[in-house]
Protein backbone atom coordinates (compact mmCIF):
# COMPACT_ATOMS: atom_id res chain seq x y z
CA MET A 1 118.63 85.76 104.70
CA ASP A 2 121.02 88.58 105.55
CA GLN A 3 120.55 88.90 109.31
CA SER A 4 122.16 92.34 109.26
CA GLU A 5 118.98 93.83 107.75
CA ILE A 6 116.66 92.77 110.56
CA GLU A 7 119.33 93.65 113.12
CA ALA A 8 119.46 97.17 111.67
CA VAL A 9 115.71 97.49 112.14
CA ARG A 10 116.02 96.20 115.70
CA ALA A 11 118.74 98.81 116.32
CA LEU A 12 116.45 101.54 114.95
CA LEU A 13 113.67 100.49 117.29
CA SER A 14 115.94 100.43 120.34
CA SER A 15 117.88 103.59 119.51
CA LYS A 16 115.81 105.68 121.91
CA PRO A 17 114.11 104.89 125.24
CA ARG A 18 110.52 103.69 124.96
CA PRO A 19 108.30 106.80 125.26
CA VAL A 20 105.71 107.06 128.02
CA GLY A 21 102.95 109.55 127.14
CA TRP A 22 100.46 109.04 124.34
CA ALA A 23 101.69 112.04 122.34
CA GLU A 24 105.30 110.87 122.64
CA ARG A 25 104.37 107.32 121.62
CA ARG A 26 102.51 108.55 118.56
CA GLN A 27 105.43 110.75 117.54
CA ARG A 28 107.89 107.87 117.97
CA LEU A 29 105.84 105.47 115.83
CA ASP A 30 105.55 108.12 113.12
CA GLU A 31 109.34 108.54 113.26
CA VAL A 32 110.31 104.87 113.03
CA GLY A 33 107.56 104.04 110.54
CA SER A 34 108.46 106.82 108.11
CA VAL A 35 112.26 106.63 108.35
CA TRP A 36 112.22 105.39 104.73
CA PRO A 37 109.85 107.59 102.72
CA VAL A 38 107.29 106.61 100.13
CA ALA A 39 108.60 105.85 96.65
CA GLU A 40 108.73 108.80 94.25
CA ASP A 41 106.41 107.22 91.67
CA ILE A 42 103.49 106.85 94.11
CA ARG A 43 100.65 109.35 93.64
CA LEU A 44 98.99 110.41 96.90
CA GLU A 45 95.71 112.23 97.42
CA GLN A 46 94.12 113.30 100.69
CA VAL A 47 90.40 112.56 101.04
CA ASP A 48 87.65 113.28 103.55
CA VAL A 49 86.00 109.92 104.23
CA ASP A 50 82.74 111.19 105.71
CA GLY A 51 84.61 113.08 108.40
CA VAL A 52 87.46 110.57 108.78
CA PRO A 53 90.81 111.60 107.28
CA GLY A 54 91.98 109.27 104.54
CA GLU A 55 94.60 108.99 101.85
CA TRP A 56 94.40 107.44 98.40
CA SER A 57 97.55 106.05 96.85
CA ILE A 58 98.24 104.48 93.50
CA ALA A 59 101.37 103.18 91.83
CA PRO A 60 101.88 103.39 88.05
CA GLU A 61 99.84 100.89 86.02
CA SER A 62 97.69 99.88 89.02
CA ASP A 63 93.96 99.28 88.67
CA ALA A 64 92.09 102.18 90.27
CA ALA A 65 88.81 100.25 90.21
CA ARG A 66 90.09 97.78 92.81
CA VAL A 67 90.98 98.95 96.31
CA LEU A 68 92.88 97.86 99.39
CA LEU A 69 91.17 99.50 102.39
CA PHE A 70 93.85 99.51 105.09
CA PHE A 71 93.72 100.11 108.87
CA HIS A 72 97.03 100.88 110.56
CA GLY A 73 98.31 99.31 113.74
CA GLY A 74 99.43 100.99 116.95
CA GLY A 75 97.35 99.31 119.64
CA TYR A 76 94.30 101.49 118.86
CA CYS A 77 96.18 104.33 120.59
CA SER A 78 98.85 105.36 118.07
CA GLY A 79 99.81 104.89 114.45
CA SER A 80 98.79 107.06 111.51
CA ILE A 81 98.69 107.38 107.76
CA LEU A 82 102.27 108.74 107.97
CA SER A 83 103.67 105.86 110.03
CA HIS A 84 102.26 103.25 107.65
CA ARG A 85 102.48 105.08 104.32
CA ARG A 86 105.45 103.12 102.96
CA LEU A 87 103.80 99.82 103.94
CA VAL A 88 100.40 100.66 102.46
CA THR A 89 101.65 102.14 99.21
CA GLU A 90 103.98 99.22 98.50
CA ALA A 91 101.23 96.73 99.31
CA GLY A 92 99.08 98.47 96.73
CA ARG A 93 101.90 98.29 94.20
CA ALA A 94 102.33 94.55 94.88
CA ALA A 95 98.61 93.94 94.41
CA GLY A 96 98.38 96.27 91.41
CA ILE A 97 95.50 98.22 92.95
CA ARG A 98 94.65 101.56 94.53
CA THR A 99 94.81 101.91 98.33
CA LEU A 100 92.78 103.87 100.86
CA ALA A 101 94.44 104.36 104.26
CA ILE A 102 92.25 105.55 107.12
CA ALA A 103 93.19 107.71 110.13
CA TYR A 104 90.53 106.31 112.45
CA ARG A 105 90.02 107.92 115.85
CA LEU A 106 92.46 106.82 118.56
CA ALA A 107 92.04 105.87 122.20
CA PRO A 108 92.12 106.87 125.00
CA GLU A 109 90.51 110.08 123.72
CA ASN A 110 88.15 108.02 121.55
CA PRO A 111 87.66 104.55 123.07
CA PHE A 112 85.83 101.59 121.56
CA PRO A 113 83.69 101.58 119.44
CA ALA A 114 84.98 104.77 117.76
CA ALA A 115 87.57 102.95 115.62
CA VAL A 116 85.03 100.34 114.50
CA ASP A 117 82.54 103.07 113.61
CA ASP A 118 85.20 104.83 111.52
CA ALA A 119 86.11 101.59 109.77
CA LEU A 120 82.46 101.04 108.88
CA ALA A 121 82.20 104.63 107.63
CA ALA A 122 85.20 104.02 105.36
CA TRP A 123 83.65 100.85 103.96
CA ARG A 124 80.35 102.56 103.22
CA PHE A 125 82.20 105.52 101.68
CA LEU A 126 83.88 103.15 99.22
CA ARG A 127 80.60 101.46 98.39
CA ARG A 128 78.92 104.80 97.74
CA GLN A 129 81.83 105.69 95.46
CA GLY A 130 80.69 102.79 93.31
CA VAL A 131 83.40 100.31 94.30
CA GLU A 132 81.92 96.81 94.36
CA ALA A 133 82.48 94.69 97.45
CA ARG A 134 84.13 92.02 95.32
CA HIS A 135 86.68 94.62 94.22
CA ILE A 136 87.73 95.52 97.80
CA ALA A 137 90.41 93.85 99.92
CA LEU A 138 90.53 94.70 103.60
CA GLY A 139 93.87 94.85 105.37
CA GLY A 140 95.48 95.84 108.62
CA ASP A 141 98.47 95.22 110.84
CA SER A 142 98.43 94.55 114.58
CA ALA A 143 95.40 96.37 116.02
CA GLY A 144 94.47 97.22 112.45
CA GLY A 145 94.18 93.49 111.82
CA GLY A 146 91.77 93.17 114.71
CA LEU A 147 89.86 96.17 113.39
CA THR A 148 89.65 94.55 109.95
CA LEU A 149 88.04 91.48 111.50
CA ALA A 150 85.72 93.61 113.63
CA LEU A 151 84.52 95.38 110.48
CA ILE A 152 83.86 92.08 108.71
CA GLY A 153 81.89 90.90 111.73
CA ARG A 154 79.82 94.08 111.63
CA LEU A 155 79.14 93.61 107.91
CA GLN A 156 78.04 90.03 108.56
CA LYS A 157 75.73 91.18 111.36
CA ASP A 158 74.18 93.81 109.06
CA ARG A 159 73.91 91.24 106.23
CA GLU A 160 75.99 93.42 103.91
CA GLU A 161 78.19 92.16 101.11
CA LEU A 162 81.66 91.17 102.27
CA PRO A 163 85.05 92.10 100.80
CA ALA A 164 86.78 89.78 98.38
CA CYS A 165 89.51 88.91 100.87
CA ALA A 166 91.34 90.00 104.01
CA TRP A 167 95.08 90.47 104.64
CA LEU A 168 96.17 90.48 108.28
CA LEU A 169 99.74 91.33 109.24
CA SER A 170 100.80 90.45 112.82
CA PRO A 171 97.14 90.74 113.95
CA TRP A 172 96.11 91.39 117.55
CA THR A 173 93.11 89.10 117.89
CA ASP A 174 92.87 88.46 121.64
CA LEU A 175 92.62 91.37 124.06
CA THR A 176 92.42 88.92 126.98
CA MET A 177 96.15 88.38 126.36
CA SER A 178 95.95 84.63 126.88
CA GLY A 179 98.48 83.55 124.24
CA SER A 180 101.51 81.69 125.59
CA THR A 181 103.92 83.52 123.26
CA LEU A 182 103.30 86.72 125.20
CA ALA A 183 105.68 85.12 127.70
CA THR A 184 107.85 82.84 125.58
CA LYS A 185 108.67 85.49 122.96
CA ASP A 186 108.84 88.48 125.29
CA SER A 187 112.64 88.57 125.38
CA VAL A 188 113.03 88.55 121.57
CA ASP A 189 110.19 90.87 120.50
CA PRO A 190 111.59 94.43 120.41
CA ILE A 191 108.19 96.12 120.11
CA ILE A 192 105.29 94.37 121.84
CA HIS A 193 105.35 93.26 125.49
CA GLY A 194 102.61 91.98 127.76
CA GLY A 195 102.46 94.94 130.12
CA TYR A 196 102.28 97.34 127.19
CA LEU A 197 99.40 95.39 125.64
CA HIS A 198 97.44 95.48 128.90
CA GLU A 199 97.93 99.25 129.03
CA LEU A 200 96.68 99.62 125.46
CA ALA A 201 93.65 97.43 126.09
CA ASP A 202 92.79 99.41 129.23
CA ALA A 203 92.97 102.64 127.21
CA TYR A 204 90.88 101.28 124.33
CA LEU A 205 88.09 99.55 126.21
CA PRO A 206 85.54 101.34 128.38
CA GLY A 207 84.76 99.80 131.74
CA GLY A 208 82.37 96.89 131.61
CA ILE A 209 83.35 95.63 128.14
CA ASP A 210 84.03 91.89 128.16
CA ARG A 211 87.46 91.37 126.61
CA ARG A 212 86.16 88.22 124.94
CA ASP A 213 83.60 90.32 123.07
CA PRO A 214 84.21 89.37 119.41
CA ARG A 215 84.07 93.04 118.40
CA VAL A 216 87.35 93.56 120.28
CA SER A 217 88.77 90.01 120.37
CA PRO A 218 87.84 88.38 117.06
CA LEU A 219 89.54 85.16 118.17
CA TYR A 220 86.29 84.46 120.04
CA ALA A 221 83.94 85.35 117.16
CA ASP A 222 81.86 82.98 115.07
CA LEU A 223 84.24 82.94 112.12
CA ALA A 224 82.03 81.04 109.69
CA GLY A 225 81.59 82.92 106.44
CA LEU A 226 84.79 84.98 106.59
CA PRO A 227 86.22 85.78 103.16
CA PRO A 228 89.54 84.18 102.13
CA THR A 229 92.17 85.42 104.57
CA LEU A 230 95.96 85.64 104.55
CA ILE A 231 97.75 86.00 107.88
CA GLN A 232 101.46 86.86 108.00
CA VAL A 233 103.33 86.84 111.31
CA GLY A 234 106.96 86.78 112.43
CA SER A 235 108.42 83.98 114.51
CA ASP A 236 109.89 86.50 116.97
CA GLU A 237 106.54 88.09 117.91
CA THR A 238 104.80 87.97 121.25
CA LEU A 239 101.58 87.99 119.20
CA LEU A 240 102.57 84.83 117.31
CA GLU A 241 99.81 82.83 119.02
CA ASP A 242 97.25 85.53 118.28
CA ALA A 243 97.83 84.53 114.67
CA THR A 244 98.20 80.77 114.99
CA ARG A 245 95.18 80.31 117.26
CA PHE A 246 93.06 82.48 115.01
CA VAL A 247 94.05 80.40 111.99
CA THR A 248 93.08 77.23 113.85
CA ALA A 249 89.69 78.67 114.77
CA ALA A 250 89.08 80.01 111.27
CA GLY A 251 90.07 76.73 109.66
CA ALA A 252 87.71 74.84 111.95
CA ALA A 253 84.96 77.19 110.71
CA ASP A 254 85.71 76.23 107.08
CA VAL A 255 87.36 79.55 106.23
CA ALA A 256 89.90 79.56 103.40
CA VAL A 257 92.74 80.82 105.58
CA THR A 258 96.46 80.86 104.85
CA LEU A 259 99.13 81.30 107.53
CA GLU A 260 102.70 82.41 106.84
CA VAL A 261 105.18 82.37 109.73
CA TRP A 262 108.34 84.26 108.77
CA PRO A 263 111.51 83.12 110.58
CA TYR A 264 113.34 85.75 112.67
CA MET A 265 110.87 88.47 111.72
CA ILE A 266 109.53 90.94 114.25
CA HIS A 267 106.15 92.60 114.68
CA ALA A 268 104.85 94.14 111.41
CA TRP A 269 108.27 93.82 109.75
CA PRO A 270 107.06 94.85 106.24
CA LEU A 271 106.77 98.39 107.61
CA TRP A 272 110.50 98.63 106.86
CA ASN A 273 110.30 97.09 103.38
CA ALA A 274 112.56 99.76 101.88
CA HIS A 275 115.46 98.32 103.88
CA LEU A 276 114.30 94.78 104.63
CA GLU A 277 114.23 92.18 101.87
CA PRO A 278 111.86 89.81 103.77
CA GLY A 279 109.50 92.76 104.08
CA ARG A 280 109.45 93.14 100.31
CA ARG A 281 108.93 89.41 99.83
CA ALA A 282 106.07 89.37 102.32
CA LEU A 283 104.37 92.23 100.48
CA ALA A 284 104.86 90.42 97.17
CA LYS A 285 103.09 87.38 98.61
CA ALA A 286 100.30 89.54 100.04
CA GLY A 287 99.94 91.26 96.68
CA ALA A 288 99.67 87.95 94.86
CA PHE A 289 97.03 86.81 97.36
CA MET A 290 94.92 89.93 96.80
CA ARG A 291 95.25 89.67 93.02
CA GLN A 292 93.99 86.08 93.21
CA TYR A 293 90.70 87.14 94.79
CA LEU A 294 90.22 90.59 93.28
């Protein structure tokens, strides 16, 4: 692999001081996430998802009857359709399907369970549009990965049909922050650090919520019955153990789960797929996984 590509992304991320306020953090993530724009052949369409802003995307020759419903990362406090547009649209191209990205409500203005409620609203919107559950893949990166799992848990609780599969990129699965790589990878991860995660969790969770509650920390959920799941994570992530421990727990629950650990990659590296060849390869693998089950 050409190390200069990932080093260029690291330089982009460190080119400005880490912002402090929520508005500044949201603006910065939008900036670094959208530095390479969406491809010109992607068709975009804004949609009102029962009061939640959403965006359809479709690449040429993709199947509009099959959908990737995607939840962006950002620690439940930042991230947007804009910051993740290049990632989502290229994932849809790789899978050969339409995508629906959701701008769920953010904390601290809208703490838990607002994001979970919006995710459920998006799922039910798709179902009412006539999209069969077996034609839907759920996906998310970082906090969006945790939100994906929270939605599946809610569907299981309500005895609803489940999606065909789930794709989790650098998922945040443990808001107790007990993973050892939060310490061992702290010096190499340019994005996610322990103190920052604690701040995000404090903003997302109202007082009195147990951080082992499976609705916020799916690592501690009963994982039996999850649909086939692909987890992709970089070796240079503080959240590496959030992925590896979840895979162990899911495998023990007889879930068809696949783990990919990508050497030298950082948190949610396929965001920069336009510049980063391993980002394009990771999306190609995710696309092949979704096609297998859709």
